[in-house]
């Protein structure tokens, strides 16, 4: 039943110093109105986890329903594929994290709390910037035929 829980797909941009990376995130949700908080769960043995933990910031680019290939490209570990942003148009947001230009929009967060349990860390981020790039339907994990969950 865990695989039946609906999830959107996002590219989470992270940074550490001048280095940027990104990964496909699906365990994301809004957690508070005041202040605006977002929960983002990250696999603990990933390069992105280490970068996010060190910098304390992240940016979520919300993917459109037609961007399955982009989501798939960011599932691969950086150590295997190198610079995942090499062929993707992006810009650096207020946090210095990469935001995908052709996404539906984005939210940028500063980490205000975390819980390390199991094989993922739950990062709670306060939204410090957000914007809309274009209209469209969001990409949902269910529509891809992929399964990510217990």
N, C-alpha and C. Protein backbone atom coordinates (compact mmCIF):
# COMPACT_ATOMS: atom_id res chain seq x y z
N UNK A 1 0.81 -1.20 0.00
CA UNK A 1 0.00 0.00 0.00
C UNK A 1 0.86 1.27 0.00
N UNK A 2 2.10 1.18 0.48
CA UNK A 2 2.95 2.38 0.48
C UNK A 2 3.13 2.92 -0.93
N UNK A 3 3.15 2.06 -1.93
CA UNK A 3 3.32 2.51 -3.31
C UNK A 3 2.06 3.16 -3.87
N UNK A 4 0.96 3.06 -3.18
CA UNK A 4 -0.29 3.68 -3.62
C UNK A 4 -0.42 5.13 -3.14
N UNK A 5 0.46 5.56 -2.24
CA UNK A 5 0.43 6.95 -1.78
C UNK A 5 0.88 7.84 -2.93
N UNK A 6 0.09 8.83 -3.34
CA UNK A 6 0.47 9.66 -4.51
C UNK A 6 1.64 10.60 -4.18
N UNK A 7 2.53 10.75 -5.15
CA UNK A 7 3.70 11.61 -5.01
C UNK A 7 3.92 12.40 -6.29
N UNK A 8 4.26 13.66 -6.15
CA UNK A 8 4.75 14.43 -7.28
C UNK A 8 6.23 14.11 -7.48
N UNK A 9 6.77 14.53 -8.63
CA UNK A 9 8.20 14.37 -8.90
C UNK A 9 8.82 15.75 -9.08
N UNK A 10 9.94 15.95 -8.44
CA UNK A 10 10.62 17.24 -8.41
C UNK A 10 12.10 17.01 -8.66
N UNK A 11 12.79 18.02 -9.13
CA UNK A 11 14.25 17.99 -9.12
C UNK A 11 14.67 18.85 -7.95
N UNK A 12 15.36 18.24 -7.00
CA UNK A 12 15.86 18.98 -5.85
C UNK A 12 17.29 19.40 -6.16
N UNK A 13 17.51 20.69 -6.24
CA UNK A 13 18.83 21.24 -6.46
C UNK A 13 19.50 21.53 -5.13
N UNK A 14 20.76 21.11 -5.02
CA UNK A 14 21.54 21.33 -3.81
C UNK A 14 22.88 21.93 -4.18
N UNK A 15 23.57 22.46 -3.18
CA UNK A 15 24.90 23.04 -3.43
C UNK A 15 25.76 22.86 -2.21
N UNK A 16 27.04 22.89 -2.44
CA UNK A 16 28.03 22.97 -1.36
C UNK A 16 29.20 23.75 -1.93
N UNK A 17 29.42 24.93 -1.41
CA UNK A 17 30.42 25.81 -2.00
C UNK A 17 29.97 26.17 -3.41
N UNK A 18 30.86 25.97 -4.39
CA UNK A 18 30.52 26.26 -5.79
C UNK A 18 29.98 25.05 -6.53
N UNK A 19 29.96 23.89 -5.88
CA UNK A 19 29.49 22.67 -6.53
C UNK A 19 27.97 22.56 -6.41
N UNK A 20 27.31 22.19 -7.52
CA UNK A 20 25.87 21.97 -7.51
C UNK A 20 25.57 20.54 -7.92
N UNK A 21 24.45 20.03 -7.46
CA UNK A 21 23.98 18.71 -7.82
C UNK A 21 22.46 18.73 -7.74
N UNK A 22 21.86 17.67 -8.22
CA UNK A 22 20.42 17.56 -8.14
C UNK A 22 20.00 16.11 -8.18
N UNK A 23 18.82 15.83 -7.70
CA UNK A 23 18.29 14.48 -7.71
C UNK A 23 16.77 14.55 -7.85
N UNK A 24 16.18 13.47 -8.31
CA UNK A 24 14.73 13.39 -8.41
C UNK A 24 14.17 13.07 -7.04
N UNK A 25 13.31 13.94 -6.56
CA UNK A 25 12.68 13.79 -5.25
C UNK A 25 11.20 13.47 -5.43
N UNK A 26 10.71 12.56 -4.61
CA UNK A 26 9.27 12.28 -4.64
C UNK A 26 8.65 12.35 -3.26
N UNK A 27 9.43 12.27 -2.21
CA UNK A 27 8.89 12.33 -0.85
C UNK A 27 8.97 13.76 -0.35
N UNK A 28 8.04 14.59 -0.86
CA UNK A 28 8.00 16.02 -0.60
C UNK A 28 6.55 16.41 -0.28
N UNK A 29 6.37 17.30 0.68
CA UNK A 29 5.03 17.83 0.94
C UNK A 29 5.11 19.13 1.73
N UNK A 30 4.03 19.91 1.64
CA UNK A 30 3.92 21.11 2.45
C UNK A 30 3.62 20.68 3.88
N UNK A 31 4.20 21.37 4.85
CA UNK A 31 4.04 20.96 6.24
C UNK A 31 3.46 22.04 7.14
N UNK A 32 3.44 23.30 6.71
CA UNK A 32 2.94 24.38 7.55
C UNK A 32 2.61 25.59 6.67
N UNK A 33 1.59 26.36 7.11
CA UNK A 33 1.26 27.62 6.43
C UNK A 33 2.09 28.76 7.00
N UNK A 34 2.19 28.81 8.35
CA UNK A 34 2.86 29.93 9.01
C UNK A 34 3.87 29.40 10.02
N UNK A 35 5.13 29.46 9.74
CA UNK A 35 5.72 29.90 8.48
C UNK A 35 5.53 28.81 7.42
N UNK A 36 5.68 29.17 6.15
CA UNK A 36 5.54 28.15 5.10
C UNK A 36 6.71 27.16 5.18
N UNK A 37 6.38 25.88 5.41
CA UNK A 37 7.38 24.83 5.54
C UNK A 37 7.13 23.73 4.54
N UNK A 38 8.21 23.13 4.05
CA UNK A 38 8.17 22.01 3.14
C UNK A 38 9.02 20.89 3.73
N UNK A 39 8.54 19.66 3.64
CA UNK A 39 9.27 18.48 4.09
C UNK A 39 9.86 17.80 2.86
N UNK A 40 11.12 17.45 2.93
CA UNK A 40 11.85 16.83 1.82
C UNK A 40 12.67 15.68 2.39
N UNK A 41 12.39 14.46 1.95
CA UNK A 41 13.09 13.28 2.47
C UNK A 41 14.20 12.88 1.50
N UNK A 42 15.41 12.67 2.04
CA UNK A 42 16.60 12.45 1.21
C UNK A 42 17.34 11.20 1.68
N UNK A 43 17.72 10.36 0.73
CA UNK A 43 18.46 9.13 1.03
C UNK A 43 19.80 9.48 1.67
N UNK A 44 20.07 8.87 2.82
CA UNK A 44 21.23 9.27 3.63
C UNK A 44 22.58 8.95 2.99
N UNK A 45 22.67 7.94 2.14
CA UNK A 45 23.97 7.59 1.57
C UNK A 45 24.24 8.29 0.23
N UNK A 46 23.48 9.33 -0.08
CA UNK A 46 23.66 10.03 -1.36
C UNK A 46 24.57 11.25 -1.20
N UNK A 47 25.20 11.61 -2.28
CA UNK A 47 26.04 12.83 -2.34
C UNK A 47 25.18 14.06 -2.04
N UNK A 48 23.96 14.07 -2.58
CA UNK A 48 23.07 15.22 -2.36
C UNK A 48 22.73 15.39 -0.89
N UNK A 49 22.56 14.29 -0.18
CA UNK A 49 22.27 14.37 1.26
C UNK A 49 23.41 15.09 1.98
N UNK A 50 24.63 14.70 1.67
CA UNK A 50 25.80 15.33 2.31
C UNK A 50 25.86 16.82 1.98
N UNK A 51 25.57 17.16 0.72
CA UNK A 51 25.62 18.56 0.30
C UNK A 51 24.52 19.38 0.99
N UNK A 52 23.32 18.82 1.06
CA UNK A 52 22.20 19.52 1.69
C UNK A 52 22.47 19.71 3.18
N UNK A 53 22.98 18.68 3.81
CA UNK A 53 23.28 18.76 5.25
C UNK A 53 24.35 19.82 5.52
N UNK A 54 25.35 19.91 4.65
CA UNK A 54 26.43 20.88 4.84
C UNK A 54 25.98 22.32 4.58
N UNK A 55 25.17 22.52 3.54
CA UNK A 55 24.79 23.88 3.16
C UNK A 55 23.55 24.39 3.88
N UNK A 56 22.63 23.48 4.21
CA UNK A 56 21.40 23.88 4.88
C UNK A 56 20.38 24.54 3.98
N UNK A 57 20.49 24.35 2.66
CA UNK A 57 19.54 24.94 1.72
C UNK A 57 19.25 23.94 0.59
N UNK A 58 18.07 24.10 -0.01
CA UNK A 58 17.72 23.32 -1.20
C UNK A 58 16.66 24.06 -2.00
N UNK A 59 16.54 23.69 -3.27
CA UNK A 59 15.53 24.27 -4.16
C UNK A 59 14.81 23.13 -4.87
N UNK A 60 13.49 23.18 -4.88
CA UNK A 60 12.69 22.18 -5.57
C UNK A 60 12.13 22.77 -6.85
N UNK A 61 12.48 22.18 -7.99
CA UNK A 61 11.89 22.55 -9.27
C UNK A 61 10.73 21.60 -9.52
N UNK A 62 9.52 22.13 -9.70
CA UNK A 62 8.34 21.31 -9.90
C UNK A 62 8.26 20.96 -11.38
N UNK A 63 8.27 19.66 -11.68
CA UNK A 63 8.28 19.21 -13.07
C UNK A 63 6.88 19.15 -13.65
N UNK A 64 6.80 19.40 -14.96
CA UNK A 64 5.55 19.28 -15.68
C UNK A 64 5.30 17.83 -16.09
N UNK A 65 4.05 17.50 -16.38
CA UNK A 65 3.65 16.14 -16.71
C UNK A 65 4.43 15.55 -17.88
N UNK A 66 4.96 16.39 -18.75
CA UNK A 66 5.69 15.94 -19.94
C UNK A 66 7.19 15.78 -19.68
N UNK A 67 7.66 15.93 -18.46
CA UNK A 67 9.09 15.94 -18.16
C UNK A 67 9.60 14.65 -17.50
N UNK A 68 9.01 13.53 -17.85
CA UNK A 68 9.42 12.24 -17.31
C UNK A 68 10.90 11.95 -17.61
N UNK A 69 11.36 12.26 -18.82
CA UNK A 69 12.76 12.00 -19.18
C UNK A 69 13.73 12.79 -18.29
N UNK A 70 13.36 14.01 -17.95
CA UNK A 70 14.20 14.82 -17.08
C UNK A 70 14.26 14.22 -15.68
N UNK A 71 13.11 13.79 -15.18
CA UNK A 71 13.07 13.14 -13.87
C UNK A 71 13.94 11.89 -13.87
N UNK A 72 13.89 11.13 -14.95
CA UNK A 72 14.67 9.89 -15.04
C UNK A 72 16.17 10.18 -15.05
N UNK A 73 16.58 11.23 -15.73
CA UNK A 73 18.00 11.59 -15.81
C UNK A 73 18.57 11.93 -14.43
N UNK A 74 17.75 12.52 -13.56
CA UNK A 74 18.23 12.94 -12.25
C UNK A 74 18.11 11.84 -11.19
N UNK A 75 17.56 10.68 -11.55
CA UNK A 75 17.54 9.54 -10.62
C UNK A 75 18.93 8.92 -10.47
N UNK A 76 19.78 9.08 -11.48
CA UNK A 76 21.08 8.42 -11.48
C UNK A 76 22.04 9.11 -10.51
N UNK A 77 22.84 8.34 -9.77
CA UNK A 77 23.80 8.94 -8.83
C UNK A 77 24.86 9.77 -9.54
N UNK A 78 25.24 10.89 -8.95
CA UNK A 78 26.26 11.77 -9.53
C UNK A 78 27.58 11.04 -9.74
N UNK A 79 27.92 10.14 -8.84
CA UNK A 79 29.21 9.45 -8.98
C UNK A 79 29.26 8.59 -10.25
N UNK A 80 28.10 8.23 -10.81
CA UNK A 80 28.07 7.43 -12.04
C UNK A 80 27.94 8.27 -13.30
N UNK A 81 27.25 9.42 -13.21
CA UNK A 81 26.96 10.18 -14.42
C UNK A 81 27.64 11.54 -14.49
N UNK A 82 28.29 11.97 -13.42
CA UNK A 82 28.95 13.27 -13.44
C UNK A 82 27.95 14.41 -13.28
N UNK A 83 28.18 15.52 -13.98
CA UNK A 83 27.37 16.73 -13.84
C UNK A 83 26.00 16.55 -14.50
N UNK A 84 24.97 16.35 -13.70
CA UNK A 84 23.62 16.14 -14.23
C UNK A 84 23.04 17.41 -14.83
N UNK A 85 23.56 18.57 -14.48
CA UNK A 85 23.04 19.84 -15.01
C UNK A 85 23.73 20.26 -16.30
N UNK A 86 24.68 19.46 -16.78
CA UNK A 86 25.46 19.83 -17.96
C UNK A 86 24.60 20.16 -19.18
N UNK A 87 23.53 19.42 -19.40
CA UNK A 87 22.69 19.63 -20.59
C UNK A 87 21.31 20.15 -20.24
N UNK A 88 21.16 20.71 -19.05
CA UNK A 88 19.87 21.22 -18.59
C UNK A 88 20.02 22.71 -18.31
N UNK A 89 19.09 23.50 -18.86
CA UNK A 89 19.14 24.94 -18.61
C UNK A 89 18.64 25.23 -17.20
N UNK A 90 19.45 25.92 -16.42
CA UNK A 90 19.11 26.23 -15.04
C UNK A 90 19.71 27.58 -14.66
N UNK A 91 19.29 28.08 -13.51
CA UNK A 91 19.89 29.27 -12.93
C UNK A 91 20.01 29.04 -11.43
N UNK A 92 20.84 29.84 -10.79
CA UNK A 92 21.01 29.73 -9.35
C UNK A 92 20.03 30.69 -8.66
N UNK A 93 19.29 30.17 -7.71
CA UNK A 93 18.32 30.97 -6.99
C UNK A 93 18.96 31.75 -5.85
N UNK A 94 18.11 32.29 -4.99
CA UNK A 94 18.58 33.08 -3.85
C UNK A 94 19.46 32.26 -2.92
N UNK A 95 19.21 30.96 -2.84
CA UNK A 95 20.00 30.08 -1.97
C UNK A 95 21.32 29.68 -2.61
N UNK A 96 21.47 29.93 -3.92
CA UNK A 96 22.63 29.45 -4.65
C UNK A 96 22.42 28.06 -5.21
N UNK A 97 21.25 27.49 -4.96
CA UNK A 97 20.93 26.15 -5.47
C UNK A 97 20.39 26.26 -6.90
N UNK A 98 20.63 25.23 -7.72
CA UNK A 98 20.14 25.25 -9.10
C UNK A 98 18.63 25.06 -9.19
N UNK A 99 18.02 25.85 -10.10
CA UNK A 99 16.59 25.77 -10.39
C UNK A 99 16.45 25.55 -11.89
N UNK A 100 15.65 24.58 -12.29
CA UNK A 100 15.47 24.26 -13.70
C UNK A 100 14.57 25.29 -14.36
N UNK A 101 15.08 25.93 -15.40
CA UNK A 101 14.39 27.01 -16.08
C UNK A 101 13.06 26.57 -16.67
N UNK A 102 13.00 25.37 -17.23
CA UNK A 102 11.79 24.89 -17.92
C UNK A 102 10.84 24.15 -16.98
N UNK A 103 11.01 24.27 -15.69
CA UNK A 103 10.08 23.63 -14.74
C UNK A 103 8.82 24.49 -14.64
N UNK A 104 7.79 23.94 -14.00
CA UNK A 104 6.56 24.71 -13.77
C UNK A 104 6.82 25.86 -12.82
N UNK A 105 7.72 25.65 -11.89
CA UNK A 105 8.06 26.67 -10.90
C UNK A 105 8.97 26.07 -9.86
N UNK A 106 9.15 26.77 -8.77
CA UNK A 106 10.13 26.34 -7.78
C UNK A 106 9.78 26.86 -6.40
N UNK A 107 10.37 26.23 -5.40
CA UNK A 107 10.42 26.76 -4.04
C UNK A 107 11.84 26.58 -3.54
N UNK A 108 12.34 27.58 -2.86
CA UNK A 108 13.67 27.51 -2.26
C UNK A 108 13.50 27.52 -0.75
N UNK A 109 14.30 26.68 -0.10
CA UNK A 109 14.13 26.51 1.34
C UNK A 109 15.45 26.57 2.08
N UNK A 110 15.34 27.04 3.33
CA UNK A 110 16.43 27.00 4.30
C UNK A 110 16.04 25.95 5.32
N UNK A 111 16.91 24.99 5.59
CA UNK A 111 16.61 23.91 6.52
C UNK A 111 16.49 24.47 7.93
N UNK A 112 15.36 24.13 8.58
CA UNK A 112 15.13 24.59 9.95
C UNK A 112 15.00 23.41 10.92
N UNK A 113 15.09 22.20 10.40
CA UNK A 113 15.02 21.01 11.25
C UNK A 113 15.22 19.76 10.43
N UNK A 114 15.55 18.68 11.10
CA UNK A 114 15.72 17.40 10.40
C UNK A 114 15.55 16.26 11.38
N UNK A 115 15.16 15.12 10.83
CA UNK A 115 15.02 13.90 11.61
C UNK A 115 15.66 12.78 10.79
N UNK A 116 16.66 12.12 11.37
CA UNK A 116 17.33 11.01 10.70
C UNK A 116 16.77 9.71 11.26
N UNK A 117 15.99 9.02 10.44
CA UNK A 117 15.43 7.72 10.81
C UNK A 117 15.45 6.84 9.58
N UNK A 118 15.64 5.54 9.77
CA UNK A 118 15.67 4.64 8.62
C UNK A 118 16.79 5.01 7.68
N UNK A 119 16.55 4.88 6.38
CA UNK A 119 17.59 5.16 5.39
C UNK A 119 17.46 6.55 4.75
N UNK A 120 16.51 7.36 5.22
CA UNK A 120 16.31 8.72 4.71
C UNK A 120 16.34 9.71 5.87
N UNK A 121 16.67 10.95 5.55
CA UNK A 121 16.54 12.05 6.51
C UNK A 121 15.37 12.92 6.07
N UNK A 122 14.54 13.28 7.02
CA UNK A 122 13.43 14.19 6.77
C UNK A 122 13.95 15.60 7.07
N UNK A 123 14.14 16.39 6.01
CA UNK A 123 14.56 17.78 6.17
C UNK A 123 13.33 18.67 6.14
N UNK A 124 13.20 19.54 7.12
CA UNK A 124 12.13 20.53 7.14
C UNK A 124 12.73 21.84 6.68
N UNK A 125 12.18 22.37 5.59
CA UNK A 125 12.71 23.61 5.04
C UNK A 125 11.70 24.74 5.09
N UNK A 126 12.14 25.90 5.55
CA UNK A 126 11.29 27.09 5.51
C UNK A 126 11.43 27.72 4.13
N UNK A 127 10.31 27.98 3.48
CA UNK A 127 10.32 28.57 2.14
C UNK A 127 10.78 30.02 2.24
N UNK A 128 11.86 30.32 1.50
CA UNK A 128 12.37 31.70 1.50
C UNK A 128 12.19 32.39 0.16
N UNK A 129 11.86 31.60 -0.88
CA UNK A 129 11.57 32.17 -2.20
C UNK A 129 10.77 31.13 -2.98
N UNK A 130 9.95 31.61 -3.91
CA UNK A 130 9.15 30.74 -4.75
C UNK A 130 8.73 31.51 -5.99
N UNK A 131 8.42 30.78 -7.05
CA UNK A 131 7.98 31.45 -8.26
C UNK A 131 7.39 30.47 -9.26
N UNK A 132 6.62 31.02 -10.19
CA UNK A 132 6.00 30.25 -11.26
C UNK A 132 6.72 30.58 -12.57
N UNK A 133 7.12 29.54 -13.31
CA UNK A 133 7.72 29.73 -14.63
C UNK A 133 6.68 29.64 -15.73
N UNK A 134 5.73 28.70 -15.58
CA UNK A 134 4.72 28.47 -16.63
C UNK A 134 3.58 27.65 -16.05
N UNK A 135 2.49 27.61 -16.76
CA UNK A 135 1.34 26.81 -16.35
C UNK A 135 1.51 25.38 -16.85
N UNK A 136 0.83 24.45 -16.21
CA UNK A 136 0.86 23.05 -16.64
C UNK A 136 0.49 22.13 -15.51
N UNK A 137 0.29 20.87 -15.85
CA UNK A 137 -0.01 19.85 -14.86
C UNK A 137 1.30 19.29 -14.31
N UNK A 138 1.39 19.01 -13.01
CA UNK A 138 2.62 18.46 -12.45
C UNK A 138 2.82 16.99 -12.80
N UNK A 139 4.07 16.57 -12.84
CA UNK A 139 4.42 15.18 -13.08
C UNK A 139 4.21 14.40 -11.79
N UNK A 140 3.45 13.30 -11.89
CA UNK A 140 3.18 12.45 -10.74
C UNK A 140 3.87 11.11 -10.92
N UNK A 141 4.41 10.57 -9.85
CA UNK A 141 5.09 9.29 -9.88
C UNK A 141 4.19 8.21 -10.49
N UNK A 142 2.94 8.21 -10.11
CA UNK A 142 1.97 7.22 -10.60
C UNK A 142 1.89 7.19 -12.13
N UNK A 143 2.01 8.35 -12.78
CA UNK A 143 1.86 8.43 -14.24
C UNK A 143 3.08 7.88 -14.99
N UNK A 144 4.20 7.70 -14.29
CA UNK A 144 5.42 7.24 -14.96
C UNK A 144 5.50 5.72 -15.08
N UNK A 145 4.74 5.00 -14.26
CA UNK A 145 4.87 3.54 -14.21
C UNK A 145 5.99 3.07 -13.32
N UNK A 146 6.75 4.02 -12.74
CA UNK A 146 7.84 3.67 -11.83
C UNK A 146 7.28 3.39 -10.45
N UNK A 147 8.06 2.71 -9.64
CA UNK A 147 7.67 2.49 -8.26
C UNK A 147 8.84 2.86 -7.36
N UNK A 148 8.58 3.72 -6.42
CA UNK A 148 9.60 4.12 -5.45
C UNK A 148 8.90 4.17 -4.11
N UNK A 149 9.15 3.20 -3.30
CA UNK A 149 8.50 3.13 -2.00
C UNK A 149 8.63 1.73 -1.44
N UNK A 150 8.10 1.56 -0.23
CA UNK A 150 8.24 0.30 0.47
C UNK A 150 7.27 -0.76 0.03
